[in-house]
Amino acid sequence: MNVFLAELIGTMVLILLGNGVVANVVLARTKGSNSGWIVITAGWGFAVAIAVYITGWVSGAHLNPAVTFGMWLYGSISGAMALAYVVAQCIGAFLGSILVYLTYKRHYDVTEDAGLILATFSTGPAVRDFRWNLVTEIIGTAVLVFGVLGIFNSHNGIASGFGPFAVGILVYSIGLSLGGPTGYAINPARDLGPRIAHALLPIKNKGHSDWEYAWVPIVGPLIGGGIGALCYKFLPVFA
């Protein structure tokens, strides 16, 4: 139960801070309105680091079904435990997105652009081409899982102290370098839970939740997480 709650709380904090920075940048009349992509990517990187520091010592702070899937393939977690992690992560992401809505309620009320409102919940492509959007998510998540395994490799000796911050830097780097095409979901729970919240919440001026695209930030990260884990496991240089 402690592990389940840790993954739920950690993912909730991740989404609260991560989607919170998006809301601050894109919603109308906020203090951070129009502050740009660098602020969003930095905010997400810091969000990941803080969430991992909070819960990493309890559950390992996967906070992401793609990471959990990768760790299962890597042999670090059982199938039953992986399923519990994923359920907790999806619930936490949903709750975190509701907290963002409550924090920025008056700004949602005065924002008229339905696309910007959706962007504070879930990702969407800059150029809509599902095949290439999928490729982007696969590559980004493969880098994430490959990088996480490298950061926490015992040879680096940084896992217990600097490790979570290094993961935040990794996510910041992915956002800056690979996030432009799709908004770098790289996390099925991060996209699905908030998208469900968007569909259910009584948000003024909201449009559709773009369920047509929703499979891309689920399937792509799972494939990428598996590839990243298997590459790190079987490439002889890391043996």
C-alpha atoms as a PDB file:
ATOM      1  CA  MET A   1       0.000   0.000   0.000  1.00  0.00           C
ATOM      2  CA  ASN A   2       2.844   2.439   0.784  1.00  0.00           C
ATOM      3  CA  VAL A   3       4.309   1.884  -2.668  1.00  0.00           C
ATOM      4  CA  PHE A   4       0.918   2.393  -4.346  1.00  0.00           C
ATOM      5  CA  LEU A   5       0.311   5.630  -2.448  1.00  0.00           C
ATOM      6  CA  ALA A   6       3.827   6.847  -3.167  1.00  0.00           C
ATOM      7  CA  GLU A   7       3.338   6.404  -6.913  1.00  0.00           C
ATOM      8  CA  LEU A   8      -0.077   8.069  -6.726  1.00  0.00           C
ATOM      9  CA  ILE A   9       1.181  11.039  -4.721  1.00  0.00           C
ATOM     10  CA  GLY A  10       4.365  11.400  -6.718  1.00  0.00           C
ATOM     11  CA  THR A  11       2.515  11.420 -10.037  1.00  0.00           C
ATOM     12  CA  MET A  12      -0.061  13.847  -8.633  1.00  0.00           C
ATOM     13  CA  VAL A  13       2.726  16.264  -7.646  1.00  0.00           C
ATOM     14  CA  LEU A  14       4.395  15.777 -11.030  1.00  0.00           C
ATOM     15  CA  ILE A  15       1.229  16.741 -12.897  1.00  0.00           C
ATOM     16  CA  LEU A  16       0.328  19.559 -10.507  1.00  0.00           C
ATOM     17  CA  LEU A  17       3.696  21.233 -11.078  1.00  0.00           C
ATOM     18  CA  GLY A  18       4.150  20.153 -14.706  1.00  0.00           C
ATOM     19  CA  ASN A  19       0.730  21.024 -16.067  1.00  0.00           C
ATOM     20  CA  GLY A  20       0.722  23.934 -13.638  1.00  0.00           C
ATOM     21  CA  VAL A  21       3.592  25.594 -15.492  1.00  0.00           C
ATOM     22  CA  VAL A  22       1.783  25.061 -18.785  1.00  0.00           C
ATOM     23  CA  ALA A  23      -1.316  26.715 -17.329  1.00  0.00           C
ATOM     24  CA  ASN A  24       0.768  29.628 -16.067  1.00  0.00           C
ATOM     25  CA  VAL A  25       2.256  30.177 -19.518  1.00  0.00           C
ATOM     26  CA  VAL A  26      -0.742  29.695 -21.820  1.00  0.00           C
ATOM     27  CA  LEU A  27      -3.871  30.727 -19.887  1.00  0.00           C
ATOM     28  CA  ALA A  28      -5.120  34.291 -20.005  1.00  0.00           C
ATOM     29  CA  ARG A  29      -4.080  36.969 -17.493  1.00  0.00           C
ATOM     30  CA  THR A  30      -1.693  34.877 -15.384  1.00  0.00           C
ATOM     31  CA  LYS A  31       1.551  36.289 -13.990  1.00  0.00           C
ATOM     32  CA  GLY A  32       3.495  34.015 -16.347  1.00  0.00           C
ATOM     33  CA  SER A  33       1.376  34.513 -19.457  1.00  0.00           C
ATOM     34  CA  ASN A  34       3.298  34.070 -22.740  1.00  0.00           C
ATOM     35  CA  SER A  35       6.604  33.388 -20.975  1.00  0.00           C
ATOM     36  CA  GLY A  36       7.364  30.643 -23.465  1.00  0.00           C
ATOM     37  CA  TRP A  37       8.655  27.166 -24.142  1.00  0.00           C
ATOM     38  CA  ILE A  38      11.807  27.480 -22.042  1.00  0.00           C
ATOM     39  CA  VAL A  39       9.716  28.164 -18.941  1.00  0.00           C
ATOM     40  CA  ILE A  40       7.508  25.147 -19.685  1.00  0.00           C
ATOM     41  CA  THR A  41      10.422  22.769 -20.197  1.00  0.00           C
ATOM     42  CA  ALA A  42      12.214  24.059 -17.094  1.00  0.00           C
ATOM     43  CA  GLY A  43       9.043  23.731 -15.042  1.00  0.00           C
ATOM     44  CA  TRP A  44       8.535  20.142 -16.149  1.00  0.00           C
ATOM     45  CA  GLY A  45      12.152  19.280 -15.382  1.00  0.00           C
ATOM     46  CA  PHE A  46      11.889  20.706 -11.877  1.00  0.00           C
ATOM     47  CA  ALA A  47       8.519  18.976 -11.410  1.00  0.00           C
ATOM     48  CA  VAL A  48      10.062  15.601 -12.159  1.00  0.00           C
ATOM     49  CA  ALA A  49      13.003  16.211  -9.817  1.00  0.00           C
ATOM     50  CA  ILE A  50      10.793  17.271  -6.899  1.00  0.00           C
ATOM     51  CA  ALA A  51       8.366  14.382  -7.393  1.00  0.00           C
ATOM     52  CA  VAL A  52      11.235  11.883  -7.466  1.00  0.00           C
ATOM     53  CA  TYR A  53      12.788  13.369  -4.330  1.00  0.00           C
ATOM     54  CA  ILE A  54       9.445  13.113  -2.524  1.00  0.00           C
ATOM     55  CA  THR A  55       8.645   9.478  -3.320  1.00  0.00           C
ATOM     56  CA  GLY A  56      11.741   7.872  -4.813  1.00  0.00           C
ATOM     57  CA  TRP A  57      12.879   6.365  -1.529  1.00  0.00           C
ATOM     58  CA  VAL A  58       9.495   4.632  -1.132  1.00  0.00           C
ATOM     59  CA  SER A  59       8.651   3.311  -4.591  1.00  0.00           C
ATOM     60  CA  GLY A  60      11.560   4.215  -6.840  1.00  0.00           C
ATOM     61  CA  ALA A  61       9.364   7.015  -8.241  1.00  0.00           C
ATOM     62  CA  HIS A  62       8.604   5.637 -11.674  1.00  0.00           C
ATOM     63  CA  LEU A  63       5.669   8.096 -11.997  1.00  0.00           C
ATOM     64  CA  ASN A  64       5.256   6.913 -15.576  1.00  0.00           C
ATOM     65  CA  PRO A  65       3.839   3.665 -17.044  1.00  0.00           C
ATOM     66  CA  ALA A  66       6.519   3.729 -19.744  1.00  0.00           C
ATOM     67  CA  VAL A  67       9.235   3.724 -17.075  1.00  0.00           C
ATOM     68  CA  THR A  68       7.408   0.981 -15.183  1.00  0.00           C
ATOM     69  CA  PHE A  69       7.078  -1.097 -18.357  1.00  0.00           C
ATOM     70  CA  GLY A  70      10.763  -0.587 -19.053  1.00  0.00           C
ATOM     71  CA  MET A  71      11.714  -1.604 -15.517  1.00  0.00           C
ATOM     72  CA  TRP A  72       9.573  -4.730 -15.863  1.00  0.00           C
ATOM     73  CA  LEU A  73      11.398  -5.665 -19.067  1.00  0.00           C
ATOM     74  CA  TYR A  74      14.691  -4.841 -17.395  1.00  0.00           C
ATOM     75  CA  GLY A  75      13.797  -7.275 -14.600  1.00  0.00           C
ATOM     76  CA  SER A  76      13.579  -4.775 -11.748  1.00  0.00           C
ATOM     77  CA  ILE A  77       9.872  -5.212 -10.960  1.00  0.00           C
ATOM     78  CA  SER A  78       7.270  -7.994 -11.119  1.00  0.00           C
ATOM     79  CA  GLY A  79       4.290  -7.922 -13.444  1.00  0.00           C
ATOM     80  CA  ALA A  80       1.804  -7.630 -10.578  1.00  0.00           C
ATOM     81  CA  MET A  81       3.719  -4.755  -9.029  1.00  0.00           C
ATOM     82  CA  ALA A  82       4.004  -3.054 -12.416  1.00  0.00           C
ATOM     83  CA  LEU A  83       0.217  -3.172 -12.830  1.00  0.00           C
ATOM     84  CA  ALA A  84      -0.278  -1.606  -9.385  1.00  0.00           C
ATOM     85  CA  TYR A  85       2.200   1.135 -10.269  1.00  0.00           C
ATOM     86  CA  VAL A  86       0.367   1.961 -13.501  1.00  0.00           C
ATOM     87  CA  VAL A  87      -3.025   2.179 -11.791  1.00  0.00           C
ATOM     88  CA  ALA A  88      -1.595   4.472  -9.100  1.00  0.00           C
ATOM     89  CA  GLN A  89       0.109   6.666 -11.701  1.00  0.00           C
ATOM     90  CA  CYS A  90      -3.074   7.125 -13.739  1.00  0.00           C
ATOM     91  CA  ILE A  91      -5.105   8.037 -10.648  1.00  0.00           C
ATOM     92  CA  GLY A  92      -2.407  10.445  -9.481  1.00  0.00           C
ATOM     93  CA  ALA A  93      -2.222  12.134 -12.886  1.00  0.00           C
ATOM     94  CA  PHE A  94      -5.990  12.603 -12.928  1.00  0.00           C
ATOM     95  CA  LEU A  95      -5.991  14.130  -9.450  1.00  0.00           C
ATOM     96  CA  GLY A  96      -3.014  16.355 -10.192  1.00  0.00           C
ATOM     97  CA  SER A  97      -4.784  17.797 -13.205  1.00  0.00           C
ATOM     98  CA  ILE A  98      -7.868  18.582 -11.136  1.00  0.00           C
ATOM     99  CA  LEU A  99      -5.626  20.501  -8.714  1.00  0.00           C
ATOM    100  CA  VAL A 100      -4.248  22.528 -11.617  1.00  0.00           C
ATOM    101  CA  TYR A 101      -7.797  23.382 -12.647  1.00  0.00           C
ATOM    102  CA  LEU A 102      -8.689  24.489  -9.130  1.00  0.00           C
ATOM    103  CA  THR A 103      -5.520  26.586  -8.878  1.00  0.00           C
ATOM    104  CA  TYR A 104      -6.182  28.392 -12.156  1.00  0.00           C
ATOM    105  CA  LYS A 105     -10.011  28.325 -12.115  1.00  0.00           C
ATOM    106  CA  ARG A 106     -10.496  32.056 -12.753  1.00  0.00           C
ATOM    107  CA  HIS A 107      -7.945  31.989 -15.571  1.00  0.00           C
ATOM    108  CA  TYR A 108      -9.711  29.090 -17.248  1.00  0.00           C
ATOM    109  CA  ASP A 109     -12.877  31.176 -17.046  1.00  0.00           C
ATOM    110  CA  VAL A 110     -11.335  34.056 -19.006  1.00  0.00           C
ATOM    111  CA  THR A 111      -9.420  31.953 -21.555  1.00  0.00           C
ATOM    112  CA  GLU A 112     -11.363  31.648 -24.802  1.00  0.00           C
ATOM    113  CA  ASP A 113      -8.974  29.487 -26.841  1.00  0.00           C
ATOM    114  CA  ALA A 114     -10.083  25.850 -26.469  1.00  0.00           C
ATOM    115  CA  GLY A 115      -6.759  24.601 -27.812  1.00  0.00           C
ATOM    116  CA  LEU A 116      -4.801  26.402 -25.110  1.00  0.00           C
ATOM    117  CA  ILE A 117      -7.146  25.040 -22.457  1.00  0.00           C
ATOM    118  CA  LEU A 118      -6.568  21.483 -23.697  1.00  0.00           C
ATOM    119  CA  ALA A 119      -2.801  22.098 -23.739  1.00  0.00           C
ATOM    120  CA  THR A 120      -2.873  22.537 -19.957  1.00  0.00           C
ATOM    121  CA  PHE A 121      -4.180  18.987 -19.660  1.00  0.00           C
ATOM    122  CA  SER A 122      -2.726  16.872 -22.462  1.00  0.00           C
ATOM    123  CA  THR A 123      -0.266  16.987 -25.331  1.00  0.00           C
ATOM    124  CA  GLY A 124      -0.870  17.559 -29.020  1.00  0.00           C
ATOM    125  CA  PRO A 125       1.306  17.622 -32.128  1.00  0.00           C
ATOM    126  CA  ALA A 126       2.590  20.767 -33.781  1.00  0.00           C
ATOM    127  CA  VAL A 127       2.246  19.027 -37.164  1.00  0.00           C
ATOM    128  CA  ARG A 128      -0.461  16.374 -37.100  1.00  0.00           C
ATOM    129  CA  ASP A 129       0.908  13.154 -38.605  1.00  0.00           C
ATOM    130  CA  PHE A 130       0.203  10.220 -36.331  1.00  0.00           C
ATOM    131  CA  ARG A 131       2.977   8.023 -37.758  1.00  0.00           C
ATOM    132  CA  TRP A 132       5.707  10.588 -37.231  1.00  0.00           C
ATOM    133  CA  ASN A 133       4.195  11.815 -33.976  1.00  0.00           C
ATOM    134  CA  LEU A 134       4.465   8.200 -32.794  1.00  0.00           C
ATOM    135  CA  VAL A 135       8.114   8.054 -33.841  1.00  0.00           C
ATOM    136  CA  THR A 136       8.824  11.230 -31.877  1.00  0.00           C
ATOM    137  CA  GLU A 137       7.258   9.821 -28.716  1.00  0.00           C
ATOM    138  CA  ILE A 138       9.122   6.525 -29.126  1.00  0.00           C
ATOM    139  CA  ILE A 139      12.491   8.249 -29.473  1.00  0.00           C
ATOM    140  CA  GLY A 140      11.899  10.677 -26.620  1.00  0.00           C
ATOM    141  CA  THR A 141      10.793   7.978 -24.193  1.00  0.00           C
ATOM    142  CA  ALA A 142      13.602   5.630 -25.198  1.00  0.00           C
ATOM    143  CA  VAL A 143      16.038   8.410 -24.287  1.00  0.00           C
ATOM    144  CA  LEU A 144      14.202   8.924 -20.995  1.00  0.00           C
ATOM    145  CA  VAL A 145      14.368   5.301 -19.849  1.00  0.00           C
ATOM    146  CA  PHE A 146      17.869   4.773 -21.224  1.00  0.00           C
ATOM    147  CA  GLY A 147      18.975   7.908 -19.392  1.00  0.00           C
ATOM    148  CA  VAL A 148      17.277   6.974 -16.116  1.00  0.00           C
ATOM    149  CA  LEU A 149      19.014   3.595 -16.103  1.00  0.00           C
ATOM    150  CA  GLY A 150      22.308   5.326 -16.760  1.00  0.00           C
ATOM    151  CA  ILE A 151      21.800   7.908 -14.020  1.00  0.00           C
ATOM    152  CA  PHE A 152      20.999   5.248 -11.423  1.00  0.00           C
ATOM    153  CA  ASN A 153      23.746   2.875 -12.503  1.00  0.00           C
ATOM    154  CA  SER A 154      25.824   2.202  -9.398  1.00  0.00           C
ATOM    155  CA  HIS A 155      28.998   3.118 -11.279  1.00  0.00           C
ATOM    156  CA  ASN A 156      27.912   6.777 -11.282  1.00  0.00           C
ATOM    157  CA  GLY A 157      27.452   6.895  -7.513  1.00  0.00           C
ATOM    158  CA  ILE A 158      24.833   9.680  -7.633  1.00  0.00           C
ATOM    159  CA  ALA A 159      21.585   7.769  -7.108  1.00  0.00           C
ATOM    160  CA  SER A 160      20.783   8.687  -3.510  1.00  0.00           C
ATOM    161  CA  GLY A 161      21.589  12.393  -3.637  1.00  0.00           C
ATOM    162  CA  PHE A 162      21.891  14.026  -7.026  1.00  0.00           C
ATOM    163  CA  GLY A 163      20.022  11.292  -8.914  1.00  0.00           C
ATOM    164  CA  PRO A 164      16.505  12.810  -8.861  1.00  0.00           C
ATOM    165  CA  PHE A 165      17.849  16.201  -9.915  1.00  0.00           C
ATOM    166  CA  ALA A 166      19.736  14.521 -12.746  1.00  0.00           C
ATOM    167  CA  VAL A 167      16.466  12.946 -13.899  1.00  0.00           C
ATOM    168  CA  GLY A 168      14.952  16.426 -13.906  1.00  0.00           C
ATOM    169  CA  ILE A 169      17.829  17.646 -16.066  1.00  0.00           C
ATOM    170  CA  LEU A 170      17.234  14.693 -18.389  1.00  0.00           C
ATOM    171  CA  VAL A 171      13.552  15.601 -18.789  1.00  0.00           C
ATOM    172  CA  TYR A 172      14.486  19.264 -19.297  1.00  0.00           C
ATOM    173  CA  SER A 173      16.925  18.211 -22.014  1.00  0.00           C
ATOM    174  CA  ILE A 174      14.338  16.012 -23.736  1.00  0.00           C
ATOM    175  CA  GLY A 175      11.863  18.883 -23.709  1.00  0.00           C
ATOM    176  CA  LEU A 176      14.355  21.334 -25.179  1.00  0.00           C
ATOM    177  CA  SER A 177      15.757  18.967 -27.793  1.00  0.00           C
ATOM    178  CA  LEU A 178      12.951  16.558 -28.700  1.00  0.00           C
ATOM    179  CA  GLY A 179       9.760  18.146 -27.396  1.00  0.00           C
ATOM    180  CA  GLY A 180       8.902  20.421 -30.300  1.00  0.00           C
ATOM    181  CA  PRO A 181       6.961  18.000 -32.519  1.00  0.00           C
ATOM    182  CA  THR A 182       4.500  16.573 -29.956  1.00  0.00           C
ATOM    183  CA  GLY A 183       4.953  18.398 -26.657  1.00  0.00           C
ATOM    184  CA  TYR A 184       6.866  15.350 -25.321  1.00  0.00           C
ATOM    185  CA  ALA A 185       4.289  13.365 -23.391  1.00  0.00           C
ATOM    186  CA  ILE A 186       6.854  10.559 -22.841  1.00  0.00           C
ATOM    187  CA  ASN A 187       4.423   9.300 -20.182  1.00  0.00           C
ATOM    188  CA  PRO A 188       1.055   7.638 -20.864  1.00  0.00           C
ATOM    189  CA  ALA A 189      -0.379   8.541 -17.445  1.00  0.00           C
ATOM    190  CA  ARG A 190       0.708  12.170 -17.800  1.00  0.00           C
ATOM    191  CA  ASP A 191      -1.430  12.418 -20.941  1.00  0.00           C
ATOM    192  CA  LEU A 192      -4.338  10.036 -20.305  1.00  0.00           C
ATOM    193  CA  GLY A 193      -5.284  11.012 -16.742  1.00  0.00           C
ATOM    194  CA  PRO A 194      -5.423  14.754 -17.464  1.00  0.00           C
ATOM    195  CA  ARG A 195      -7.228  14.175 -20.774  1.00  0.00           C
ATOM    196  CA  ILE A 196      -9.956  12.326 -18.865  1.00  0.00           C
ATOM    197  CA  ALA A 197     -10.077  15.221 -16.386  1.00  0.00           C
ATOM    198  CA  HIS A 198     -10.456  17.662 -19.284  1.00  0.00           C
ATOM    199  CA  ALA A 199     -13.378  15.638 -20.621  1.00  0.00           C
ATOM    200  CA  LEU A 200     -15.132  15.544 -17.233  1.00  0.00           C
ATOM    201  CA  LEU A 201     -14.501  18.981 -15.726  1.00  0.00           C
ATOM    202  CA  PRO A 202     -17.020  21.801 -16.326  1.00  0.00           C
ATOM    203  CA  ILE A 203     -14.479  24.087 -17.978  1.00  0.00           C
ATOM    204  CA  LYS A 204     -15.818  27.205 -19.631  1.00  0.00           C
ATOM    205  CA  ASN A 205     -14.944  27.493 -23.352  1.00  0.00           C
ATOM    206  CA  LYS A 206     -13.367  24.038 -23.547  1.00  0.00           C
ATOM    207  CA  GLY A 207     -13.585  22.120 -26.796  1.00  0.00           C
ATOM    208  CA  HIS A 208     -13.179  18.438 -27.517  1.00  0.00           C
ATOM    209  CA  SER A 209     -10.541  16.345 -25.742  1.00  0.00           C
ATOM    210  CA  ASP A 210      -8.946  15.100 -29.001  1.00  0.00           C
ATOM    211  CA  TRP A 211      -9.427  11.403 -28.341  1.00  0.00           C
ATOM    212  CA  GLU A 212      -8.455  10.698 -31.941  1.00  0.00           C
ATOM    213  CA  TYR A 213      -4.853  11.560 -31.054  1.00  0.00           C
ATOM    214  CA  ALA A 214      -4.869  10.143 -27.513  1.00  0.00           C
ATOM    215  CA  TRP A 215      -3.476   6.730 -28.465  1.00  0.00           C
ATOM    216  CA  VAL A 216      -0.180   8.237 -29.692  1.00  0.00           C
ATOM    217  CA  PRO A 217       1.076   9.454 -26.266  1.00  0.00           C
ATOM    218  CA  ILE A 218       0.117   6.076 -24.810  1.00  0.00           C
ATOM    219  CA  VAL A 219       1.492   3.636 -27.380  1.00  0.00           C
ATOM    220  CA  GLY A 220       4.576   5.642 -28.344  1.00  0.00           C
ATOM    221  CA  PRO A 221       5.981   6.002 -24.815  1.00  0.00           C
ATOM    222  CA  LEU A 222       5.337   2.339 -23.996  1.00  0.00           C
ATOM    223  CA  ILE A 223       7.241   1.230 -27.097  1.00  0.00           C
ATOM    224  CA  GLY A 224      10.005   3.741 -26.416  1.00  0.00           C
ATOM    225  CA  GLY A 225      10.274   2.772 -22.757  1.00  0.00           C
ATOM    226  CA  GLY A 226      10.659  -0.865 -23.728  1.00  0.00           C
ATOM    227  CA  ILE A 227      13.303  -0.062 -26.325  1.00  0.00           C
ATOM    228  CA  GLY A 228      15.283   2.111 -23.925  1.00  0.00           C
ATOM    229  CA  ALA A 229      15.264  -0.555 -21.205  1.00  0.00           C
ATOM    230  CA  LEU A 230      16.192  -3.425 -23.510  1.00  0.00           C
ATOM    231  CA  CYS A 231      19.002  -1.452 -25.134  1.00  0.00           C
ATOM    232  CA  TYR A 232      20.512  -0.630 -21.761  1.00  0.00           C
ATOM    233  CA  LYS A 233      20.097  -4.222 -20.607  1.00  0.00           C
ATOM    234  CA  PHE A 234      21.597  -5.970 -23.621  1.00  0.00           C
ATOM    235  CA  LEU A 235      24.142  -3.592 -25.120  1.00  0.00           C
ATOM    236  CA  PRO A 236      27.487  -5.150 -24.118  1.00  0.00           C
ATOM    237  CA  VAL A 237      29.087  -1.818 -23.239  1.00  0.00           C
ATOM    238  CA  PHE A 238      26.823  -1.609 -20.158  1.00  0.00           C
ATOM    239  CA  ALA A 239      27.198  -5.242 -19.089  1.00  0.00           C
END
